[in-house]
Amino acid sequence: MYPFCKYSDGTEVVFSGIIKNDKGEETIQIHFERPTEDGFDSVRFELPSYKILYKEGNYTEEEIAIFKTVVERGAHNFYRWARNGGIKIA
């Protein structure tokens, strides 16, 4: 998993490298996670389907909608960064 960003509420966003699914299609997983007193709030999306693969904890529907927008708007960049081994920052 490669780091993408960290939000002020402690949510960290990471993404996978390219993963071939059982149909041979290239997919990427984007994971949002923040620590809580009882563990973690977590949501994992898959590209290119944009579907939620995993959800646990107390993220609100509004937060999840924002995360989905991040995934949708950044899809082409996530693929580019995944192919290049993460985000390169000088």
C-alpha atoms as a PDB file:
ATOM      1  CA  MET A   1       0.000   0.000   0.000  1.00  0.00           C
ATOM      2  CA  TYR A   2       1.186   3.497  -0.857  1.00  0.00           C
ATOM      3  CA  PRO A   3       0.389   6.595   1.224  1.00  0.00           C
ATOM      4  CA  PHE A   4      -1.855   9.233  -0.337  1.00  0.00           C
ATOM      5  CA  CYS A   5      -2.855  11.710   2.392  1.00  0.00           C
ATOM      6  CA  LYS A   6      -3.939  12.230   5.976  1.00  0.00           C
ATOM      7  CA  TYR A   7      -7.019  14.262   6.961  1.00  0.00           C
ATOM      8  CA  SER A   8      -7.290  16.464  10.048  1.00  0.00           C
ATOM      9  CA  ASP A   9      -9.596  13.934  11.771  1.00  0.00           C
ATOM     10  CA  GLY A  10      -6.809  11.331  11.616  1.00  0.00           C
ATOM     11  CA  THR A  11      -8.118   9.489   8.543  1.00  0.00           C
ATOM     12  CA  GLU A  12      -5.222   8.112   6.536  1.00  0.00           C
ATOM     13  CA  VAL A  13      -5.665   7.231   2.881  1.00  0.00           C
ATOM     14  CA  VAL A  14      -3.533   4.589   1.184  1.00  0.00           C
ATOM     15  CA  PHE A  15      -3.826   2.807  -2.154  1.00  0.00           C
ATOM     16  CA  SER A  16      -2.593  -0.478  -3.534  1.00  0.00           C
ATOM     17  CA  GLY A  17      -0.488  -1.249  -6.518  1.00  0.00           C
ATOM     18  CA  ILE A  18      -2.152  -2.760  -9.564  1.00  0.00           C
ATOM     19  CA  ILE A  19      -3.993  -5.962  -8.676  1.00  0.00           C
ATOM     20  CA  LYS A  20      -5.274  -8.361 -11.358  1.00  0.00           C
ATOM     21  CA  ASN A  21      -8.700  -9.716 -10.464  1.00  0.00           C
ATOM     22  CA  ASP A  22      -9.974 -13.167 -11.407  1.00  0.00           C
ATOM     23  CA  LYS A  23     -11.062 -11.815 -14.811  1.00  0.00           C
ATOM     24  CA  GLY A  24      -7.558 -10.495 -15.514  1.00  0.00           C
ATOM     25  CA  GLU A  25      -8.657  -6.857 -15.141  1.00  0.00           C
ATOM     26  CA  GLU A  26      -6.405  -4.298 -13.472  1.00  0.00           C
ATOM     27  CA  THR A  27      -7.852  -3.041 -10.198  1.00  0.00           C
ATOM     28  CA  ILE A  28      -6.685  -0.790  -7.380  1.00  0.00           C
ATOM     29  CA  GLN A  29      -7.908  -0.615  -3.813  1.00  0.00           C
ATOM     30  CA  ILE A  30      -8.131   2.706  -1.953  1.00  0.00           C
ATOM     31  CA  HIS A  31      -8.385   2.418   1.822  1.00  0.00           C
ATOM     32  CA  PHE A  32      -9.587   5.122   4.257  1.00  0.00           C
ATOM     33  CA  GLU A  33      -8.904   4.463   7.938  1.00  0.00           C
ATOM     34  CA  ARG A  34      -8.877   6.443  11.181  1.00  0.00           C
ATOM     35  CA  PRO A  35      -8.035   5.283  14.674  1.00  0.00           C
ATOM     36  CA  THR A  36     -10.729   5.236  17.357  1.00  0.00           C
ATOM     37  CA  GLU A  37     -10.791   4.285  21.023  1.00  0.00           C
ATOM     38  CA  ASP A  38     -12.152   0.869  20.007  1.00  0.00           C
ATOM     39  CA  GLY A  39     -10.013   0.194  16.915  1.00  0.00           C
ATOM     40  CA  PHE A  40     -10.497   1.771  13.513  1.00  0.00           C
ATOM     41  CA  ASP A  41     -13.128   3.202  11.214  1.00  0.00           C
ATOM     42  CA  SER A  42     -12.405   1.758   7.760  1.00  0.00           C
ATOM     43  CA  VAL A  43     -13.741   1.948   4.214  1.00  0.00           C
ATOM     44  CA  ARG A  44     -12.113   0.300   1.188  1.00  0.00           C
ATOM     45  CA  PHE A  45     -13.057   1.100  -2.408  1.00  0.00           C
ATOM     46  CA  GLU A  46     -12.090  -0.703  -5.600  1.00  0.00           C
ATOM     47  CA  LEU A  47     -11.277   0.865  -8.939  1.00  0.00           C
ATOM     48  CA  PRO A  48     -12.533   0.819 -11.638  1.00  0.00           C
ATOM     49  CA  SER A  49     -15.913  -0.283 -10.173  1.00  0.00           C
ATOM     50  CA  TYR A  50     -15.933   2.352  -7.384  1.00  0.00           C
ATOM     51  CA  LYS A  51     -17.722  -0.160  -5.191  1.00  0.00           C
ATOM     52  CA  ILE A  52     -17.118  -0.497  -1.471  1.00  0.00           C
ATOM     53  CA  LEU A  53     -15.286  -3.730  -0.692  1.00  0.00           C
ATOM     54  CA  TYR A  54     -15.180  -3.297   3.056  1.00  0.00           C
ATOM     55  CA  LYS A  55     -16.765  -0.983   5.616  1.00  0.00           C
ATOM     56  CA  GLU A  56     -16.456  -1.087   9.391  1.00  0.00           C
ATOM     57  CA  GLY A  57     -16.798   1.454  12.146  1.00  0.00           C
ATOM     58  CA  ASN A  58     -18.491   4.805  12.353  1.00  0.00           C
ATOM     59  CA  TYR A  59     -17.835   6.783   9.200  1.00  0.00           C
ATOM     60  CA  THR A  60     -21.005   8.701   8.353  1.00  0.00           C
ATOM     61  CA  GLU A  61     -22.736   8.378   5.006  1.00  0.00           C
ATOM     62  CA  GLU A  62     -21.638  11.959   4.299  1.00  0.00           C
ATOM     63  CA  GLU A  63     -17.983  11.070   4.950  1.00  0.00           C
ATOM     64  CA  ILE A  64     -18.260   7.988   2.753  1.00  0.00           C
ATOM     65  CA  ALA A  65     -19.790  10.097  -0.034  1.00  0.00           C
ATOM     66  CA  ILE A  66     -16.819  12.483   0.193  1.00  0.00           C
ATOM     67  CA  PHE A  67     -14.402   9.545   0.043  1.00  0.00           C
ATOM     68  CA  LYS A  68     -16.199   8.176  -3.022  1.00  0.00           C
ATOM     69  CA  THR A  69     -15.799  11.564  -4.707  1.00  0.00           C
ATOM     70  CA  VAL A  70     -12.063  11.493  -3.941  1.00  0.00           C
ATOM     71  CA  VAL A  71     -11.821   8.022  -5.495  1.00  0.00           C
ATOM     72  CA  GLU A  72     -13.865   8.986  -8.573  1.00  0.00           C
ATOM     73  CA  ARG A  73     -12.047  12.244  -9.267  1.00  0.00           C
ATOM     74  CA  GLY A  74      -8.621  10.764  -8.624  1.00  0.00           C
ATOM     75  CA  ALA A  75      -9.036   7.436 -10.425  1.00  0.00           C
ATOM     76  CA  HIS A  76      -6.692   8.252 -13.312  1.00  0.00           C
ATOM     77  CA  ASN A  77      -4.037   9.487 -10.877  1.00  0.00           C
ATOM     78  CA  PHE A  78      -4.358   6.426  -8.627  1.00  0.00           C
ATOM     79  CA  TYR A  79      -3.684   4.217 -11.670  1.00  0.00           C
ATOM     80  CA  ARG A  80      -0.708   6.349 -12.709  1.00  0.00           C
ATOM     81  CA  TRP A  81       0.773   6.381  -9.200  1.00  0.00           C
ATOM     82  CA  ALA A  82       0.155   2.649  -8.723  1.00  0.00           C
ATOM     83  CA  ARG A  83       2.057   1.892 -11.935  1.00  0.00           C
ATOM     84  CA  ASN A  84       4.947   4.124 -10.777  1.00  0.00           C
ATOM     85  CA  GLY A  85       5.288   2.663  -7.286  1.00  0.00           C
ATOM     86  CA  GLY A  86       3.506   5.414  -5.368  1.00  0.00           C
ATOM     87  CA  ILE A  87       3.555   9.186  -5.350  1.00  0.00           C
ATOM     88  CA  LYS A  88       6.986  10.682  -5.918  1.00  0.00           C
ATOM     89  CA  ILE A  89       7.507  13.862  -3.901  1.00  0.00           C
ATOM     90  CA  ALA A  90      10.700  15.884  -4.270  1.00  0.00           C
END
